Protein backbone atom coordinates (compact mmCIF):
# COMPACT_ATOMS: atom_id res chain seq x y z
CA MET A 1 100.41 119.12 97.69
CA HIS A 2 97.57 121.18 95.88
CA ARG A 3 95.34 119.81 93.17
CA ARG A 4 93.86 121.86 90.56
CA PRO A 5 92.20 120.30 87.57
CA VAL A 6 93.75 121.36 84.17
CA VAL A 7 91.76 120.31 80.92
CA GLN A 8 94.67 118.64 78.62
CA GLU A 9 93.77 116.57 75.37
CA GLU A 10 90.24 116.53 76.22
CA ARG A 11 91.12 114.80 79.63
CA PHE A 12 91.28 116.30 82.98
CA THR A 13 94.67 116.05 84.57
CA ARG A 14 95.49 117.21 87.79
CA ARG A 15 98.07 120.09 88.56
CA LEU A 16 100.14 119.08 91.63
CA GLN A 17 101.90 122.30 93.43
CA THR A 18 103.19 122.70 96.84
CA ILE A 19 100.52 124.08 99.21
CA GLY A 20 101.36 127.85 100.09
CA LYS A 21 101.13 127.45 103.59
CA ARG A 22 103.40 124.28 103.69
CA MET A 23 106.06 126.15 102.04
CA ALA A 24 105.85 129.25 104.16
CA ALA A 25 106.24 126.91 107.33
CA LYS A 26 109.33 125.27 106.05
CA LEU A 27 110.83 128.35 105.08
CA LYS A 28 110.25 129.97 108.50
CA GLU A 29 111.65 126.67 110.06
CA ILE A 30 114.98 127.25 108.06
CA ARG A 31 114.89 130.98 108.71
CA ARG A 32 114.94 130.25 112.55
CA GLU A 33 117.53 127.74 112.22
CA LEU A 34 119.65 130.01 110.07
CA GLU A 35 119.28 132.66 112.82
CA ARG A 36 120.52 130.04 115.31
CA ARG A 37 123.49 129.13 113.06
CA ARG A 38 124.26 132.82 112.18
CA HIS A 39 127.98 132.60 113.52
CA ALA A 40 128.61 129.06 112.58
CA SER A 41 130.93 128.36 109.85
CA ILE A 42 129.92 129.13 106.39
CA VAL A 43 130.80 125.36 105.39
CA GLU A 44 128.83 123.91 107.92
CA THR A 45 125.78 126.08 107.21
CA ARG A 46 126.31 125.25 103.49
CA GLU A 47 126.10 121.69 104.19
CA TRP A 48 123.20 121.71 106.12
CA LEU A 49 121.11 123.62 103.65
CA LYS A 50 122.35 121.21 100.81
CA THR A 51 120.72 118.48 102.52
CA VAL A 52 117.63 120.28 103.75
CA VAL A 53 116.81 121.75 100.19
CA ARG A 54 117.56 118.37 98.40
CA GLY A 55 115.31 116.61 100.82
CA TYR A 56 112.73 119.20 100.19
CA PHE A 57 113.17 118.83 96.24
CA GLN A 58 113.16 114.90 96.50
CA TYR A 59 109.63 115.16 97.89
CA HIS A 60 108.27 117.92 95.94
CA ALA A 61 109.93 117.58 92.34
CA LEU A 62 106.86 117.00 90.35
CA PRO A 63 106.56 118.04 86.89
CA ASP A 64 104.22 120.95 87.39
CA ASN A 65 105.59 122.34 90.67
CA GLN A 66 108.94 123.88 89.08
CA GLN A 67 108.04 127.41 89.79
CA ARG A 68 107.27 126.84 93.49
CA MET A 69 110.76 125.02 93.77
CA ARG A 70 112.32 127.83 91.96
CA GLN A 71 110.54 130.31 94.46
CA PHE A 72 111.46 128.13 97.39
CA ARG A 73 115.21 127.76 96.60
CA GLY A 74 115.18 131.62 96.09
CA ASP A 75 113.81 132.27 99.33
CA VAL A 76 116.23 129.93 101.14
CA LEU A 77 119.34 131.92 99.27
CA ARG A 78 117.71 135.33 100.14
CA GLY A 79 117.32 134.33 103.87
CA TRP A 80 120.96 132.89 103.94
CA LEU A 81 122.38 135.92 102.39
CA ARG A 82 120.60 138.02 105.09
CA GLN A 83 122.11 136.05 107.99
CA LEU A 84 125.45 136.51 106.35
CA ARG A 85 125.20 140.24 106.43
CA ARG A 86 123.78 140.32 109.83
CA ARG A 87 126.90 138.74 110.96
CA SER A 88 128.78 142.27 110.97
CA PRO A 89 128.03 145.55 110.66
CA ARG A 90 130.46 145.84 108.01
CA SER A 91 129.42 143.09 105.80
CA HIS A 92 130.50 143.22 102.26
CA TRP A 93 128.09 140.62 100.77
CA THR A 94 126.08 141.68 97.82
CA TRP A 95 123.73 139.51 95.87
CA GLU A 96 126.01 139.27 93.03
CA ARG A 97 129.16 138.23 95.32
CA PHE A 98 126.90 135.87 97.20
CA LEU A 99 125.58 134.11 94.05
CA GLU A 100 129.28 133.87 92.56
CA ARG A 101 130.69 132.31 95.65
CA LEU A 102 127.89 130.49 97.34
CA GLY A 103 124.73 130.40 94.85
CA ASN A 104 125.88 127.13 93.35
CA ALA A 105 126.21 125.39 96.72
CA ILE A 106 122.43 125.03 96.97
CA PRO A 107 120.89 122.23 94.51
CA ALA A 108 119.26 123.64 91.47
CA VAL A 109 115.55 122.64 90.58
CA GLU A 110 115.45 119.39 88.93
CA ILE A 111 112.23 117.33 88.20
CA LEU A 112 112.58 113.88 89.87
CA HIS A 113 109.38 112.17 89.39
CA PRO A 114 107.41 111.37 86.27
CA TRP A 115 103.72 112.57 85.50
CA PRO A 116 101.29 110.47 87.56
CA ARG A 117 99.76 108.98 84.48
CA GLN A 118 103.09 107.23 83.65
CA ARG A 119 103.91 106.50 87.11
CA PHE A 120 100.80 104.48 87.74
CA ALA A 121 100.49 102.94 84.30
CA ALA A 122 101.81 99.74 85.61
CA ARG A 123 101.21 96.73 83.58
CA HIS A 124 100.75 93.54 85.25
CA SER A 125 100.75 89.93 84.13
CA ARG A 126 97.24 89.28 85.73
């Protein structure tokens, strides 16, 4: 995660964002696997993509990281559409048709982790 200080309420907080290189590497890995699975059934590919994106989101779902997560999800969807179009020279997949039929198969962006200040504000009886 990339940490960038931001002034908030006269205090510094850290903005936690996915590092671009790390995200690009993961997307490249997914594209390679999508190429390998090009002629596999759509159901199998959908289930595999669901687990991959859900796992990525469970790790990176921090409050300041929504934009990067939306970008990641969009790139995964575009890569999958590209592979579906390459299955046949007479492919009829459009972006609208793809989103209507398969776009909701990939989990939506959801923040799962609290702000670090809340997460580390544990109270002990000591």
